[in-house]
Amino acid sequence: MTSSLTFADSIEIAAAPEAVYAVVSDVTRTGEWSPVCRACWWDEGDGPHVGAHFTGRNETPDRTWETRSEVVVADPGRAFGWAVNDRRVFWTYAIEPIDGGSRLTESWEFTARGQEFAIEKFGPDAVAPRERMAREGIPVTLAAIKAVVERG
């Protein structure tokens, strides 16, 4: 692998950027919108700030696993992002104000190093399913976040 795989998608939400940020930066709520991540919890005393750590529990029909993440972006009302498992994968929510609310963009980056790790651990067919999960999951996640935020 010589380059990262990336994917991003956006949705408009009828809420101020600060309200959207308050939801997406609360990783303990991730199970409400993610099709794969069922739960997240902060390390004791941590919260949504750069350098904070949290654990996530993921489930697919084939397996259940946990990841360790570090917050790498925490800019209230603008962006929240984290690196997974020693910076092998990055997830970011970028928020921009628009007429009537916010545009939320979710981005995924599967680094070359992350791809190499997945292939070593799970075999040569390990990358494509992860890319498919991101491409299929991000629009589902964004729609669910929109519903959560707009519900209040």
N, C-alpha and C. Protein backbone atom coordinates (compact mmCIF):
# COMPACT_ATOMS: atom_id res chain seq x y z
N MET A 1 0.84 -1.17 0.00
CA MET A 1 0.00 0.00 0.00
C MET A 1 0.89 1.24 0.00
N THR A 2 0.60 2.16 -0.87
CA THR A 2 1.41 3.36 -0.93
C THR A 2 0.64 4.62 -0.55
N SER A 3 -0.68 4.55 -0.48
CA SER A 3 -1.43 5.75 -0.14
C SER A 3 -2.64 5.41 0.73
N SER A 4 -3.12 6.44 1.39
CA SER A 4 -4.30 6.29 2.22
C SER A 4 -5.54 6.11 1.36
N LEU A 5 -6.53 5.43 1.92
CA LEU A 5 -7.86 5.39 1.33
C LEU A 5 -8.69 6.41 2.09
N THR A 6 -9.49 7.19 1.36
CA THR A 6 -10.30 8.19 2.02
C THR A 6 -11.71 8.17 1.46
N PHE A 7 -12.62 8.67 2.28
CA PHE A 7 -14.00 8.85 1.85
C PHE A 7 -14.62 9.91 2.75
N ALA A 8 -15.48 10.73 2.18
CA ALA A 8 -16.20 11.73 2.95
C ALA A 8 -17.57 11.96 2.33
N ASP A 9 -18.51 12.33 3.18
CA ASP A 9 -19.85 12.67 2.71
C ASP A 9 -20.40 13.74 3.66
N SER A 10 -21.40 14.47 3.21
CA SER A 10 -21.95 15.57 3.99
C SER A 10 -23.47 15.51 4.04
N ILE A 11 -24.02 16.21 5.05
CA ILE A 11 -25.47 16.33 5.20
C ILE A 11 -25.75 17.69 5.81
N GLU A 12 -26.90 18.26 5.47
CA GLU A 12 -27.33 19.51 6.07
C GLU A 12 -28.21 19.22 7.27
N ILE A 13 -27.98 19.95 8.35
CA ILE A 13 -28.71 19.75 9.59
C ILE A 13 -29.29 21.09 10.02
N ALA A 14 -30.57 21.10 10.40
CA ALA A 14 -31.24 22.32 10.84
C ALA A 14 -30.92 22.59 12.30
N ALA A 15 -29.67 22.96 12.54
CA ALA A 15 -29.20 23.28 13.89
C ALA A 15 -27.90 24.07 13.78
N ALA A 16 -27.63 24.87 14.79
CA ALA A 16 -26.40 25.66 14.81
C ALA A 16 -25.18 24.75 14.92
N PRO A 17 -24.05 25.20 14.38
CA PRO A 17 -22.82 24.38 14.46
C PRO A 17 -22.48 23.95 15.89
N GLU A 18 -22.71 24.80 16.87
CA GLU A 18 -22.40 24.45 18.26
C GLU A 18 -23.25 23.28 18.74
N ALA A 19 -24.50 23.22 18.32
CA ALA A 19 -25.38 22.11 18.70
C ALA A 19 -24.94 20.81 18.04
N VAL A 20 -24.53 20.90 16.78
CA VAL A 20 -24.03 19.71 16.08
C VAL A 20 -22.75 19.22 16.74
N TYR A 21 -21.85 20.14 17.03
CA TYR A 21 -20.60 19.78 17.69
C TYR A 21 -20.85 19.10 19.03
N ALA A 22 -21.79 19.63 19.81
CA ALA A 22 -22.08 19.05 21.13
C ALA A 22 -22.47 17.58 21.01
N VAL A 23 -23.17 17.23 19.95
CA VAL A 23 -23.57 15.83 19.76
C VAL A 23 -22.40 14.98 19.27
N VAL A 24 -21.74 15.40 18.19
CA VAL A 24 -20.71 14.53 17.61
C VAL A 24 -19.47 14.41 18.49
N SER A 25 -19.23 15.37 19.35
CA SER A 25 -18.07 15.29 20.24
C SER A 25 -18.35 14.49 21.51
N ASP A 26 -19.59 14.07 21.69
CA ASP A 26 -19.95 13.22 22.84
C ASP A 26 -19.86 11.76 22.39
N VAL A 27 -18.66 11.21 22.42
CA VAL A 27 -18.45 9.86 21.90
C VAL A 27 -19.28 8.81 22.63
N THR A 28 -19.74 9.12 23.83
CA THR A 28 -20.56 8.15 24.57
C THR A 28 -21.91 7.95 23.90
N ARG A 29 -22.27 8.79 22.94
CA ARG A 29 -23.54 8.67 22.21
C ARG A 29 -23.37 7.98 20.86
N THR A 30 -22.17 7.60 20.50
CA THR A 30 -21.90 7.05 19.16
C THR A 30 -22.80 5.88 18.81
N GLY A 31 -23.12 5.04 19.77
CA GLY A 31 -24.00 3.91 19.52
C GLY A 31 -25.38 4.29 19.02
N GLU A 32 -25.77 5.55 19.22
CA GLU A 32 -27.07 6.03 18.73
C GLU A 32 -27.11 6.20 17.22
N TRP A 33 -25.94 6.35 16.58
CA TRP A 33 -25.95 6.62 15.15
C TRP A 33 -25.05 5.74 14.31
N SER A 34 -24.10 5.08 14.88
CA SER A 34 -23.16 4.30 14.08
C SER A 34 -23.70 2.91 13.77
N PRO A 35 -23.59 2.46 12.51
CA PRO A 35 -24.01 1.11 12.19
C PRO A 35 -23.03 0.03 12.64
N VAL A 36 -21.82 0.42 13.06
CA VAL A 36 -20.81 -0.55 13.49
C VAL A 36 -20.38 -0.34 14.94
N CYS A 37 -20.12 0.90 15.32
CA CYS A 37 -19.67 1.18 16.68
C CYS A 37 -20.88 1.20 17.61
N ARG A 38 -20.92 0.27 18.52
CA ARG A 38 -22.08 0.12 19.41
C ARG A 38 -21.95 0.91 20.70
N ALA A 39 -20.72 1.23 21.12
CA ALA A 39 -20.53 1.98 22.37
C ALA A 39 -19.13 2.56 22.40
N CYS A 40 -19.01 3.71 23.06
CA CYS A 40 -17.71 4.33 23.33
C CYS A 40 -17.73 4.85 24.75
N TRP A 41 -16.54 4.87 25.35
CA TRP A 41 -16.42 5.43 26.69
C TRP A 41 -15.07 6.09 26.83
N TRP A 42 -15.09 7.25 27.52
CA TRP A 42 -13.87 8.00 27.77
C TRP A 42 -13.03 7.31 28.83
N ASP A 43 -11.71 7.48 28.74
CA ASP A 43 -10.86 7.14 29.87
C ASP A 43 -11.33 7.99 31.05
N GLU A 44 -11.14 7.48 32.23
CA GLU A 44 -11.59 8.21 33.41
C GLU A 44 -11.01 9.62 33.43
N GLY A 45 -11.89 10.59 33.58
CA GLY A 45 -11.49 11.98 33.64
C GLY A 45 -11.31 12.65 32.29
N ASP A 46 -11.40 11.90 31.18
CA ASP A 46 -11.21 12.49 29.86
C ASP A 46 -12.55 12.96 29.29
N GLY A 47 -12.44 13.74 28.24
CA GLY A 47 -13.59 14.29 27.55
C GLY A 47 -13.15 14.80 26.20
N PRO A 48 -13.99 15.56 25.54
CA PRO A 48 -13.70 15.96 24.15
C PRO A 48 -12.66 17.07 24.02
N HIS A 49 -11.40 16.73 24.28
CA HIS A 49 -10.30 17.68 24.07
C HIS A 49 -9.13 16.94 23.43
N VAL A 50 -8.30 17.69 22.73
CA VAL A 50 -7.15 17.09 22.06
C VAL A 50 -6.29 16.37 23.09
N GLY A 51 -5.92 15.14 22.76
CA GLY A 51 -5.11 14.32 23.65
C GLY A 51 -5.92 13.37 24.50
N ALA A 52 -7.24 13.56 24.56
CA ALA A 52 -8.10 12.65 25.33
C ALA A 52 -8.18 11.29 24.64
N HIS A 53 -8.42 10.25 25.42
CA HIS A 53 -8.51 8.89 24.90
C HIS A 53 -9.86 8.27 25.22
N PHE A 54 -10.31 7.42 24.30
CA PHE A 54 -11.53 6.66 24.54
C PHE A 54 -11.43 5.30 23.85
N THR A 55 -12.29 4.41 24.30
CA THR A 55 -12.38 3.07 23.74
C THR A 55 -13.72 2.93 23.04
N GLY A 56 -13.72 2.23 21.92
CA GLY A 56 -14.96 1.96 21.20
C GLY A 56 -15.15 0.47 21.00
N ARG A 57 -16.41 0.02 21.13
CA ARG A 57 -16.73 -1.38 20.88
C ARG A 57 -17.51 -1.47 19.57
N ASN A 58 -16.97 -2.23 18.63
CA ASN A 58 -17.56 -2.39 17.30
C ASN A 58 -18.11 -3.79 17.13
N GLU A 59 -19.20 -3.87 16.37
CA GLU A 59 -19.81 -5.18 16.11
C GLU A 59 -20.25 -5.27 14.66
N THR A 60 -19.92 -6.39 14.04
CA THR A 60 -20.44 -6.76 12.73
C THR A 60 -20.96 -8.19 12.88
N PRO A 61 -21.64 -8.70 11.89
CA PRO A 61 -22.10 -10.09 12.02
C PRO A 61 -20.95 -11.09 12.21
N ASP A 62 -19.75 -10.73 11.75
CA ASP A 62 -18.61 -11.64 11.81
C ASP A 62 -17.80 -11.57 13.09
N ARG A 63 -17.79 -10.39 13.73
CA ARG A 63 -16.93 -10.27 14.91
C ARG A 63 -17.27 -9.03 15.74
N THR A 64 -16.72 -9.02 16.94
CA THR A 64 -16.80 -7.89 17.86
C THR A 64 -15.38 -7.55 18.26
N TRP A 65 -15.04 -6.24 18.29
CA TRP A 65 -13.69 -5.84 18.67
C TRP A 65 -13.73 -4.45 19.28
N GLU A 66 -12.67 -4.14 19.99
CA GLU A 66 -12.54 -2.82 20.58
C GLU A 66 -11.36 -2.08 19.97
N THR A 67 -11.50 -0.76 19.91
CA THR A 67 -10.44 0.09 19.40
C THR A 67 -10.07 1.12 20.46
N ARG A 68 -8.89 1.64 20.33
CA ARG A 68 -8.39 2.68 21.24
C ARG A 68 -8.17 3.92 20.39
N SER A 69 -8.77 5.03 20.79
CA SER A 69 -8.70 6.26 19.99
C SER A 69 -8.19 7.43 20.81
N GLU A 70 -7.57 8.37 20.10
CA GLU A 70 -7.09 9.61 20.69
C GLU A 70 -7.69 10.78 19.93
N VAL A 71 -8.26 11.73 20.64
CA VAL A 71 -8.81 12.93 20.00
C VAL A 71 -7.65 13.75 19.44
N VAL A 72 -7.75 14.09 18.15
CA VAL A 72 -6.69 14.86 17.50
C VAL A 72 -7.18 16.23 17.03
N VAL A 73 -8.50 16.43 17.00
CA VAL A 73 -9.09 17.71 16.65
C VAL A 73 -10.27 17.93 17.58
N ALA A 74 -10.30 19.07 18.24
CA ALA A 74 -11.44 19.44 19.09
C ALA A 74 -11.59 20.96 19.03
N ASP A 75 -12.31 21.41 18.02
CA ASP A 75 -12.51 22.83 17.77
C ASP A 75 -14.02 23.09 17.84
N PRO A 76 -14.53 23.45 19.02
CA PRO A 76 -15.98 23.57 19.22
C PRO A 76 -16.68 24.37 18.12
N GLY A 77 -17.76 23.77 17.61
CA GLY A 77 -18.53 24.38 16.55
C GLY A 77 -17.95 24.23 15.17
N ARG A 78 -16.74 23.64 15.07
CA ARG A 78 -16.07 23.55 13.77
C ARG A 78 -15.64 22.14 13.37
N ALA A 79 -14.98 21.41 14.29
CA ALA A 79 -14.47 20.09 13.92
C ALA A 79 -14.14 19.27 15.15
N PHE A 80 -14.37 17.97 15.00
CA PHE A 80 -14.01 17.01 16.03
C PHE A 80 -13.50 15.76 15.33
N GLY A 81 -12.31 15.27 15.74
CA GLY A 81 -11.76 14.10 15.07
C GLY A 81 -10.86 13.30 15.98
N TRP A 82 -10.64 12.04 15.59
CA TRP A 82 -9.82 11.16 16.40
C TRP A 82 -9.04 10.19 15.52
N ALA A 83 -7.96 9.71 16.07
CA ALA A 83 -7.11 8.70 15.43
C ALA A 83 -7.35 7.38 16.15
N VAL A 84 -7.47 6.32 15.38
CA VAL A 84 -7.76 5.00 15.92
C VAL A 84 -6.51 4.13 15.90
N ASN A 85 -6.33 3.40 17.00
CA ASN A 85 -5.27 2.38 17.07
C ASN A 85 -3.94 2.88 16.53
N ASP A 86 -3.35 3.80 17.25
CA ASP A 86 -2.02 4.29 16.92
C ASP A 86 -1.96 4.95 15.54
N ARG A 87 -3.00 5.72 15.23
CA ARG A 87 -3.05 6.53 14.01
C ARG A 87 -3.11 5.70 12.71
N ARG A 88 -3.75 4.57 12.78
CA ARG A 88 -3.93 3.76 11.56
C ARG A 88 -5.14 4.20 10.76
N VAL A 89 -6.12 4.78 11.47
CA VAL A 89 -7.35 5.27 10.84
C VAL A 89 -7.69 6.61 11.50
N PHE A 90 -8.20 7.54 10.69
CA PHE A 90 -8.66 8.82 11.21
C PHE A 90 -10.12 9.03 10.84
N TRP A 91 -10.89 9.54 11.78
CA TRP A 91 -12.28 9.93 11.56
C TRP A 91 -12.41 11.39 11.97
N THR A 92 -13.10 12.18 11.16
CA THR A 92 -13.29 13.59 11.47
C THR A 92 -14.70 14.04 11.09
N TYR A 93 -15.28 14.86 11.97
CA TYR A 93 -16.51 15.57 11.67
C TYR A 93 -16.15 17.04 11.51
N ALA A 94 -16.41 17.60 10.33
CA ALA A 94 -16.22 19.03 10.09
C ALA A 94 -17.60 19.67 9.99
N ILE A 95 -17.74 20.82 10.61
CA ILE A 95 -19.04 21.49 10.68
C ILE A 95 -18.87 22.89 10.12
N GLU A 96 -19.75 23.27 9.20
CA GLU A 96 -19.71 24.63 8.69
C GLU A 96 -21.11 25.22 8.73
N PRO A 97 -21.18 26.52 9.08
CA PRO A 97 -22.49 27.16 9.11
C PRO A 97 -23.03 27.36 7.70
N ILE A 98 -24.33 27.15 7.54
CA ILE A 98 -25.02 27.42 6.28
C ILE A 98 -26.34 28.08 6.63
N ASP A 99 -27.02 28.64 5.64
CA ASP A 99 -28.34 29.20 5.90
C ASP A 99 -29.24 28.11 6.45
N GLY A 100 -29.84 28.36 7.58
CA GLY A 100 -30.76 27.40 8.17
C GLY A 100 -30.11 26.35 9.04
N GLY A 101 -28.80 26.43 9.26
CA GLY A 101 -28.18 25.44 10.14
C GLY A 101 -26.72 25.18 9.87
N SER A 102 -26.42 23.90 9.63
CA SER A 102 -25.02 23.46 9.50
C SER A 102 -24.88 22.41 8.42
N ARG A 103 -23.70 22.36 7.83
CA ARG A 103 -23.33 21.23 6.97
C ARG A 103 -22.32 20.42 7.76
N LEU A 104 -22.64 19.14 7.98
CA LEU A 104 -21.76 18.22 8.69
C LEU A 104 -21.13 17.29 7.68
N THR A 105 -19.79 17.25 7.68
CA THR A 105 -19.05 16.35 6.80
C THR A 105 -18.30 15.35 7.66
N GLU A 106 -18.52 14.08 7.37
CA GLU A 106 -17.78 13.01 8.05
C GLU A 106 -16.73 12.49 7.08
N SER A 107 -15.48 12.43 7.56
CA SER A 107 -14.36 11.97 6.74
C SER A 107 -13.70 10.76 7.39
N TRP A 108 -13.23 9.87 6.54
CA TRP A 108 -12.54 8.65 6.96
C TRP A 108 -11.25 8.55 6.18
N GLU A 109 -10.17 8.23 6.88
CA GLU A 109 -8.88 7.98 6.23
C GLU A 109 -8.28 6.70 6.79
N PHE A 110 -8.09 5.73 5.93
CA PHE A 110 -7.44 4.47 6.28
C PHE A 110 -6.02 4.59 5.76
N THR A 111 -5.08 4.86 6.67
CA THR A 111 -3.71 5.14 6.26
C THR A 111 -3.05 3.93 5.62
N ALA A 112 -1.99 4.19 4.88
CA ALA A 112 -1.22 3.09 4.28
C ALA A 112 -0.72 2.14 5.36
N ARG A 113 -0.27 2.71 6.47
CA ARG A 113 0.20 1.88 7.59
C ARG A 113 -0.93 1.04 8.18
N GLY A 114 -2.11 1.62 8.25
CA GLY A 114 -3.26 0.88 8.73
C GLY A 114 -3.65 -0.25 7.81
N GLN A 115 -3.58 0.00 6.52
CA GLN A 115 -3.89 -1.05 5.54
C GLN A 115 -2.88 -2.20 5.65
N GLU A 116 -1.61 -1.85 5.78
CA GLU A 116 -0.58 -2.87 5.91
C GLU A 116 -0.81 -3.71 7.16
N PHE A 117 -1.18 -3.07 8.26
CA PHE A 117 -1.47 -3.79 9.50
C PHE A 117 -2.65 -4.73 9.30
N ALA A 118 -3.72 -4.26 8.68
CA ALA A 118 -4.91 -5.09 8.46
C ALA A 118 -4.57 -6.31 7.60
N ILE A 119 -3.78 -6.12 6.57
CA ILE A 119 -3.40 -7.23 5.69
C ILE A 119 -2.55 -8.24 6.45
N GLU A 120 -1.59 -7.75 7.25
CA GLU A 120 -0.76 -8.67 8.04
C GLU A 120 -1.59 -9.46 9.04
N LYS A 121 -2.58 -8.81 9.66
CA LYS A 121 -3.37 -9.47 10.70
C LYS A 121 -4.49 -10.34 10.16
N PHE A 122 -5.16 -9.86 9.08
CA PHE A 122 -6.37 -10.54 8.61
C PHE A 122 -6.27 -11.12 7.21
N GLY A 123 -5.16 -10.88 6.51
CA GLY A 123 -4.99 -11.45 5.18
C GLY A 123 -5.20 -10.45 4.07
N PRO A 124 -4.92 -10.88 2.84
CA PRO A 124 -4.90 -9.97 1.69
C PRO A 124 -6.25 -9.36 1.34
N ASP A 125 -7.34 -9.93 1.81
CA ASP A 125 -8.66 -9.40 1.49
C ASP A 125 -9.22 -8.50 2.60
N ALA A 126 -8.38 -8.02 3.49
CA ALA A 126 -8.84 -7.28 4.67
C ALA A 126 -9.20 -5.82 4.39
N VAL A 127 -8.67 -5.22 3.35
CA VAL A 127 -8.86 -3.79 3.13
C VAL A 127 -10.22 -3.48 2.51
N ALA A 128 -10.61 -4.20 1.50
CA ALA A 128 -11.86 -3.89 0.78
C ALA A 128 -13.09 -3.87 1.68
N PRO A 129 -13.26 -4.81 2.60
CA PRO A 129 -14.45 -4.74 3.46
C PRO A 129 -14.46 -3.50 4.36
N ARG A 130 -13.31 -3.06 4.80
CA ARG A 130 -13.24 -1.87 5.64
C ARG A 130 -13.60 -0.61 4.84
N GLU A 131 -13.12 -0.57 3.61
CA GLU A 131 -13.48 0.56 2.76
C GLU A 131 -14.99 0.54 2.47
N ARG A 132 -15.53 -0.62 2.18
CA ARG A 132 -16.97 -0.75 1.92
C ARG A 132 -17.79 -0.32 3.13
N MET A 133 -17.36 -0.73 4.34
CA MET A 133 -18.08 -0.33 5.56
C MET A 133 -18.09 1.18 5.72
N ALA A 134 -16.98 1.85 5.40
CA ALA A 134 -16.94 3.31 5.51
C ALA A 134 -17.85 3.96 4.47
N ARG A 135 -17.74 3.50 3.23
CA ARG A 135 -18.55 4.10 2.16
C ARG A 135 -20.05 3.89 2.38
N GLU A 136 -20.42 2.75 2.90
CA GLU A 136 -21.84 2.47 3.17
C GLU A 136 -22.28 3.07 4.50
N GLY A 137 -21.38 3.07 5.47
CA GLY A 137 -21.75 3.50 6.82
C GLY A 137 -21.81 4.99 7.03
N ILE A 138 -20.97 5.75 6.37
CA ILE A 138 -20.95 7.19 6.59
C ILE A 138 -22.29 7.85 6.26
N PRO A 139 -22.90 7.58 5.10
CA PRO A 139 -24.21 8.20 4.84
C PRO A 139 -25.28 7.80 5.87
N VAL A 140 -25.24 6.55 6.31
CA VAL A 140 -26.18 6.07 7.33
C VAL A 140 -25.93 6.81 8.65
N THR A 141 -24.67 6.95 9.02
CA THR A 141 -24.30 7.66 10.24
C THR A 141 -24.75 9.12 10.18
N LEU A 142 -24.49 9.79 9.07
CA LEU A 142 -24.87 11.19 8.95
C LEU A 142 -26.38 11.38 9.06
N ALA A 143 -27.14 10.51 8.43
CA ALA A 143 -28.60 10.61 8.51
C ALA A 143 -29.08 10.41 9.95
N ALA A 144 -28.45 9.49 10.66
CA ALA A 144 -28.84 9.24 12.05
C ALA A 144 -28.44 10.41 12.95
N ILE A 145 -27.27 11.01 12.73
CA ILE A 145 -26.86 12.17 13.51
C ILE A 145 -27.83 13.32 13.25
N LYS A 146 -28.20 13.54 12.00
CA LYS A 146 -29.18 14.58 11.66
C LYS A 146 -30.45 14.39 12.47
N ALA A 147 -30.95 13.16 12.50
CA ALA A 147 -32.19 12.88 13.25
C ALA A 147 -32.02 13.16 14.73
N VAL A 148 -30.90 12.75 15.30
CA VAL A 148 -30.63 12.97 16.73
C VAL A 148 -30.56 14.46 17.04
N VAL A 149 -29.80 15.20 16.24
CA VAL A 149 -29.62 16.63 16.49
C VAL A 149 -30.94 17.38 16.33
N GLU A 150 -31.65 17.09 15.24
CA GLU A 150 -32.88 17.83 14.97
C GLU A 150 -34.01 17.48 15.94
N ARG A 151 -33.94 16.30 16.53
CA ARG A 151 -34.90 15.90 17.56
C ARG A 151 -34.69 16.71 18.85
N GLY A 152 -33.42 17.10 19.02
CA GLY A 152 -33.07 17.88 20.21
C GLY A 152 -32.75 17.02 21.31
